[in-house]
Protein backbone atom coordinates (compact mmCIF):
# COMPACT_ATOMS: atom_id res chain seq x y z
CA UNK A 1 6.16 -7.76 16.15
CA UNK A 2 4.34 -4.65 14.54
CA UNK A 3 3.57 -3.90 11.44
CA UNK A 4 5.06 -0.54 10.64
CA UNK A 5 3.64 2.12 7.05
CA UNK A 6 7.38 3.21 5.73
CA UNK A 7 7.42 6.37 2.65
CA UNK A 8 11.12 6.18 1.11
CA UNK A 9 12.19 8.26 -1.14
CA UNK A 10 14.10 6.11 -3.99
CA UNK A 11 17.05 7.41 -4.52
CA UNK A 12 18.72 8.18 -9.08
CA UNK A 13 19.65 4.93 -11.00
CA UNK A 14 16.66 3.29 -9.37
CA UNK A 15 14.32 1.91 -11.65
CA UNK A 16 10.78 2.64 -9.81
CA UNK A 17 12.18 5.82 -8.50
CA UNK A 18 13.40 7.38 -12.04
CA UNK A 19 9.91 5.75 -14.11
CA UNK A 20 7.81 7.39 -12.11
CA UNK A 21 9.23 10.50 -11.61
CA UNK A 22 9.46 10.85 -14.95
CA UNK A 23 5.84 10.08 -15.66
CA UNK A 24 4.68 11.23 -11.75
CA UNK A 25 0.73 11.08 -12.78
CA UNK A 26 1.67 7.08 -12.49
CA UNK A 27 0.79 4.64 -9.61
CA UNK A 28 2.73 1.69 -9.90
CA UNK A 29 2.32 -0.67 -8.11
CA UNK A 30 4.99 -3.54 -6.58
CA UNK A 31 3.27 -7.08 -6.74
CA UNK A 32 5.24 -9.65 -6.54
CA UNK A 33 9.25 -9.87 -7.05
CA UNK A 34 11.39 -12.64 -7.92
CA UNK A 35 15.00 -13.62 -8.11
CA UNK A 36 16.50 -14.90 -11.78
CA UNK A 37 18.67 -16.24 -13.79
CA UNK A 38 19.61 -18.13 -16.99
CA UNK A 39 19.03 -16.19 -20.00
CA UNK A 40 16.29 -13.31 -17.27
CA UNK A 41 20.06 -11.71 -15.33
CA UNK A 42 21.96 -8.79 -16.65
CA UNK A 43 24.57 -7.49 -15.43
CA UNK A 44 23.81 -5.61 -12.44
CA UNK A 45 27.06 -4.51 -11.63
CA UNK A 46 26.73 -7.01 -8.02
CA UNK A 47 23.41 -6.09 -7.32
CA UNK A 48 21.00 -9.62 -7.30
CA UNK A 49 18.01 -9.35 -10.17
CA UNK A 50 15.06 -10.03 -9.81
CA UNK A 51 11.48 -10.47 -12.56
CA UNK A 52 8.77 -7.65 -10.94
CA UNK A 53 5.11 -8.14 -11.47
CA UNK A 54 3.87 -3.97 -11.48
CA UNK A 55 0.87 -2.77 -11.96
CA UNK A 56 1.02 0.20 -13.63
CA UNK A 57 -2.13 2.08 -12.83
CA UNK A 58 -3.53 6.04 -14.38
CA UNK A 59 -3.73 8.05 -17.88
CA UNK A 60 0.51 7.84 -18.94
CA UNK A 61 0.83 3.39 -19.38
CA UNK A 62 2.28 3.93 -22.91
CA UNK A 63 4.65 6.33 -21.50
CA UNK A 64 5.66 4.52 -17.91
CA UNK A 65 6.35 0.58 -20.64
CA UNK A 66 8.34 3.00 -22.29
CA UNK A 67 10.39 3.98 -19.98
CA UNK A 68 11.22 1.22 -18.38
CA UNK A 69 12.08 -0.68 -21.37
CA UNK A 70 14.65 2.33 -22.11
CA UNK A 71 15.87 2.73 -17.65
CA UNK A 72 19.10 1.00 -17.88
CA UNK A 73 18.84 -0.58 -14.97
CA UNK A 74 15.66 -3.39 -17.11
CA UNK A 75 16.78 -5.86 -19.17
CA UNK A 76 13.33 -6.18 -20.81
CA UNK A 77 9.89 -4.99 -19.86
CA UNK A 78 6.71 -7.23 -21.09
CA UNK A 79 2.62 -6.52 -21.15
CA UNK A 80 1.47 -9.34 -19.26
CA UNK A 81 -2.39 -8.42 -19.33
CA UNK A 82 -3.91 -5.05 -19.89
CA UNK A 83 -7.54 -4.48 -17.67
CA UNK A 84 -9.31 -1.20 -17.71
CA UNK A 85 -6.92 1.51 -16.69
CA UNK A 86 -4.47 -1.31 -14.74
CA UNK A 87 -1.79 -2.55 -16.59
CA UNK A 88 0.42 -5.48 -15.84
CA UNK A 89 4.41 -5.82 -16.31
CA UNK A 90 6.57 -7.73 -15.69
CA UNK A 91 10.00 -6.01 -15.62
CA UNK A 92 12.85 -8.24 -15.32
CA UNK A 93 16.15 -5.92 -14.60
CA UNK A 94 17.70 -5.24 -10.45
CA UNK A 95 15.97 -5.66 -7.85
CA UNK A 96 13.95 -2.60 -6.34
CA UNK A 97 16.43 -0.64 -4.18
CA UNK A 98 15.12 -1.46 -0.56
CA UNK A 99 14.90 -5.02 -1.11
CA UNK A 100 18.61 -5.86 -0.89
CA UNK A 101 17.96 -3.52 2.26
CA UNK A 102 14.83 -6.41 3.53
CA UNK A 103 16.68 -9.56 3.06
CA UNK A 104 19.60 -8.51 5.17
CA UNK A 105 18.07 -7.78 8.27
CA UNK A 106 15.85 -10.30 7.92
CA UNK A 107 12.56 -8.31 7.69
CA UNK A 108 9.49 -9.12 5.83
CA UNK A 109 7.58 -6.23 3.56
CA UNK A 110 4.13 -6.99 3.85
CA UNK A 111 1.35 -7.43 0.69
CA UNK A 112 1.87 -4.70 -2.28
CA UNK A 113 4.82 -1.32 -2.69
CA UNK A 114 3.16 1.70 -4.32
CA UNK A 115 5.00 4.13 -5.20
CA UNK A 116 4.33 7.67 -6.82
CA UNK A 117 6.27 9.81 -7.99
CA UNK A 118 9.77 8.72 -6.52
CA UNK A 119 8.38 7.83 -3.71
CA UNK A 120 7.36 4.06 -2.30
CA UNK A 121 4.88 3.60 0.58
CA UNK A 122 5.98 0.48 2.24
CA UNK A 123 4.76 -1.86 5.14
CA UNK A 124 7.01 -4.20 7.16
CA UNK A 125 6.07 -5.99 9.76
CA UNK A 126 9.35 -6.76 12.17
CA UNK A 127 10.32 -6.05 15.66
CA UNK A 128 11.56 -2.76 16.06
CA UNK A 129 15.59 -3.83 16.64
CA UNK A 130 14.83 -4.48 12.43
CA UNK A 131 13.06 -2.08 11.04
CA UNK A 132 15.36 -0.06 12.80
CA UNK A 133 18.70 -1.39 10.95
CA UNK A 134 16.85 -1.02 7.71
CA UNK A 135 15.72 2.17 8.23
CA UNK A 136 19.70 2.85 8.71
CA UNK A 137 20.06 0.19 5.64
CA UNK A 138 18.42 2.08 3.44
CA UNK A 139 19.31 5.84 4.62
CA UNK A 140 23.14 4.42 4.26
CA UNK A 141 21.93 3.57 0.28
CA UNK A 142 21.05 7.21 0.21
CA UNK A 143 17.71 6.32 0.83
CA UNK A 144 15.06 9.50 2.88
CA UNK A 145 12.28 7.27 4.80
CA UNK A 146 9.54 8.99 6.64
CA UNK A 147 7.15 7.14 9.09
CA UNK A 148 2.90 7.09 7.73
CA UNK A 149 2.06 4.46 10.87
CA UNK A 150 2.86 2.52 12.80
CA UNK A 151 1.29 -0.65 14.40
CA UNK A 152 0.33 0.63 18.10
CA UNK A 153 -3.28 0.92 20.06
CA UNK A 154 -3.74 4.22 18.71
CA UNK A 155 -7.44 3.23 16.60
CA UNK A 156 -6.42 6.44 14.22
CA UNK A 157 -3.77 4.91 13.33
CA UNK A 158 -4.74 1.96 11.88
CA UNK A 159 -5.59 3.82 8.68
CA UNK A 160 -4.08 6.27 6.72
CA UNK A 161 -4.90 9.93 6.74
CA UNK A 162 -7.10 8.83 2.71
CA UNK A 163 -8.10 5.93 4.55
CA UNK A 164 -10.14 7.72 7.60
CA UNK A 165 -11.42 11.09 5.44
CA UNK A 166 -13.41 8.54 2.89
CA UNK A 167 -14.52 6.08 5.86
CA UNK A 168 -15.84 8.91 7.93
CA UNK A 169 -17.19 10.35 4.50
CA UNK A 170 -18.75 7.33 3.39
CA UNK A 171 -20.28 6.63 7.11
CA UNK A 172 -21.46 10.17 7.05
CA UNK A 173 -23.37 9.77 2.80
CA UNK A 174 -25.36 6.10 4.27
CA UNK A 175 -22.89 4.30 1.95
CA UNK A 176 -23.44 1.84 5.17
CA UNK A 177 -26.36 2.09 6.08
CA UNK A 178 -28.87 -1.01 4.36
CA UNK A 179 -30.38 -0.09 2.47
CA UNK A 180 -27.81 2.15 0.69
CA UNK A 181 -28.41 6.27 0.87
CA UNK A 182 -25.10 6.93 -1.47
CA UNK A 183 -23.83 3.96 -3.98
CA UNK A 184 -19.92 3.81 -4.37
CA UNK A 185 -20.01 5.77 -7.90
CA UNK A 186 -22.23 8.70 -5.92
CA UNK A 187 -19.31 9.12 -3.16
CA UNK A 188 -16.25 8.32 -5.49
CA UNK A 189 -17.77 11.89 -7.55
CA UNK A 190 -18.37 13.54 -4.12
CA UNK A 191 -14.59 12.93 -3.27
CA UNK A 192 -13.21 14.22 -7.34
CA UNK A 193 -11.47 10.00 -7.18
CA UNK A 194 -12.78 7.12 -9.46
CA UNK A 195 -15.02 4.33 -8.72
CA UNK A 196 -12.22 1.76 -8.51
CA UNK A 197 -9.45 4.30 -6.68
CA UNK A 198 -13.03 4.92 -4.36
CA UNK A 199 -13.94 1.15 -4.04
CA UNK A 200 -9.71 -0.09 -3.14
CA UNK A 201 -9.49 2.65 -0.57
CA UNK A 202 -12.64 1.67 1.45
CA UNK A 203 -11.28 -2.02 1.00
CA UNK A 204 -8.43 -1.50 2.27
CA UNK A 205 -9.44 0.10 5.14
CA UNK A 206 -12.06 -2.29 5.80
CA UNK A 207 -9.46 -4.94 5.46
CA UNK A 208 -6.96 -2.85 8.29
CA UNK A 209 -9.29 -2.58 10.71
CA UNK A 210 -10.62 -6.76 9.95
CA UNK A 211 -7.61 -7.66 10.77
CA UNK A 212 -7.22 -5.36 13.82
CA UNK A 213 -11.06 -6.80 15.16
CA UNK A 214 -9.73 -10.45 15.08
CA UNK A 215 -5.90 -9.90 15.85
CA UNK A 216 -7.45 -8.41 19.03
CA UNK A 217 -5.71 -5.13 18.82
CA UNK A 218 -6.78 -1.62 19.55
CA UNK A 219 -10.30 -0.69 20.80
CA UNK A 220 -11.46 -4.50 19.62
CA UNK A 221 -9.14 -6.33 22.02
CA UNK A 222 -10.41 -8.55 25.13
CA UNK A 223 -9.87 -7.72 28.80
CA UNK A 224 -6.67 -9.98 28.92
CA UNK A 225 -5.09 -8.19 26.17
CA UNK A 226 -5.83 -4.76 26.91
CA UNK A 227 -4.10 -4.92 30.18
CA UNK A 228 -1.13 -6.42 27.98
CA UNK A 229 -1.05 -3.89 26.33
CA UNK A 230 -1.27 -0.69 28.98
CA UNK A 231 1.53 -2.45 30.25
CA UNK A 232 3.64 -1.74 27.15
CA UNK A 233 1.59 1.71 26.18
CA UNK A 234 5.25 3.30 26.83
CA UNK A 235 6.91 1.28 23.77
CA UNK A 236 4.49 2.47 21.18
CA UNK A 237 5.76 6.35 20.56
CA UNK A 238 4.31 7.48 17.57
CA UNK A 239 6.98 8.67 15.89
CA UNK A 240 9.89 6.33 15.20
CA UNK A 241 13.81 6.96 15.30
CA UNK A 242 16.72 5.17 13.02
CA UNK A 243 20.10 5.53 14.11
CA UNK A 244 18.59 8.47 16.49
CA UNK A 245 16.85 10.70 13.60
CA UNK A 246 13.41 11.20 14.21
CA UNK A 247 10.66 10.96 11.69
CA UNK A 248 6.88 12.15 11.84
CA UNK A 249 4.22 10.56 11.60
CA UNK A 250 2.16 12.59 8.83
CA UNK A 251 0.14 9.79 6.40
CA UNK A 252 0.62 9.81 2.74
CA UNK A 253 -2.22 9.70 0.87
CA UNK A 254 -3.49 6.95 -1.01
CA UNK A 255 -4.20 6.12 -4.68
CA UNK A 256 -5.25 3.50 -5.67
CA UNK A 257 -7.01 1.47 -8.26
CA UNK A 258 -8.21 -1.54 -8.99
CA UNK A 259 -10.71 -3.96 -10.80
CA UNK A 260 -14.28 -2.56 -11.60
CA UNK A 261 -15.84 -5.43 -11.92
CA UNK A 262 -16.73 -6.51 -7.82
CA UNK A 263 -18.18 -2.31 -7.74
CA UNK A 264 -20.43 -2.92 -10.53
CA UNK A 265 -20.91 -6.07 -8.85
CA UNK A 266 -22.10 -3.98 -5.79
CA UNK A 267 -23.85 -0.75 -7.30
CA UNK A 268 -26.50 -3.11 -8.58
CA UNK A 269 -27.36 -3.93 -5.39
CA UNK A 270 -27.03 -0.58 -3.61
CA UNK A 271 -30.14 0.57 -3.08
CA UNK A 272 -32.20 -2.80 -2.24
CA UNK A 273 -33.87 -3.33 0.44
CA UNK A 274 -33.49 -6.08 2.80
CA UNK A 275 -35.35 -9.03 2.19
CA UNK A 276 -36.66 -10.09 5.16
CA UNK A 277 -38.43 -13.82 6.55
CA UNK A 278 -41.89 -14.14 7.29
CA UNK A 279 -41.16 -14.60 11.42
CA UNK A 280 -39.37 -11.01 11.33
CA UNK A 281 -42.29 -9.43 9.33
CA UNK A 282 -44.04 -6.96 11.48
């Protein structure tokens, strides 16, 4: 089993692809999709209908909501939550283009799918054969498929390029020092991104590193795990191929967004001195 990050250029006619291309400054994150029936169901030429939870970030949230309502393959788009610069919508319509293919080959899609300007970032978990079958189905449906990262033992592949750059800058600036020499706000400003984006990118990067640590992968592997990994090293390429067509391992930039509350709570303690116990006082 391996984790693979894919880039999918969604086809014309996909409501996620069409709307995100119409409003390219917006970020759409599909957090959940469930099958629907009854009054919620819209005729979709034989395609399954779903209710999707979509979080929209950016300054064009109104345009995204209007574009979703106007799309021919969306029966309803309803705002269910507004918080800061993020709006959560419930979208009922045709299943996203990648979902039927994943279900057909029995490949689970991990976590949230992020879509910007017609391109979706999708993480799948499974064996190589299923991932290749998934890619062939997507290509047959008119999608361009690229590999952004794979779950091999190369530590540089654990994080996307944007995550690596931000983590390196955070370490250099003293964000992880105790006490911190750099606040979250200062780190975000130095890198020209919103504080919420900075917080979410670091959180996702930290999560990936910690999962590898817990799973005993790569540089965190025990001796027995490392020996097993070495035996299969020849089967962990830096690029992946679908049906004979090779795709590069170029990473994509993450455009993240999240609730600022956790970031604000952390920043309030950014410059606090650590409390020493009596036993450790000089």
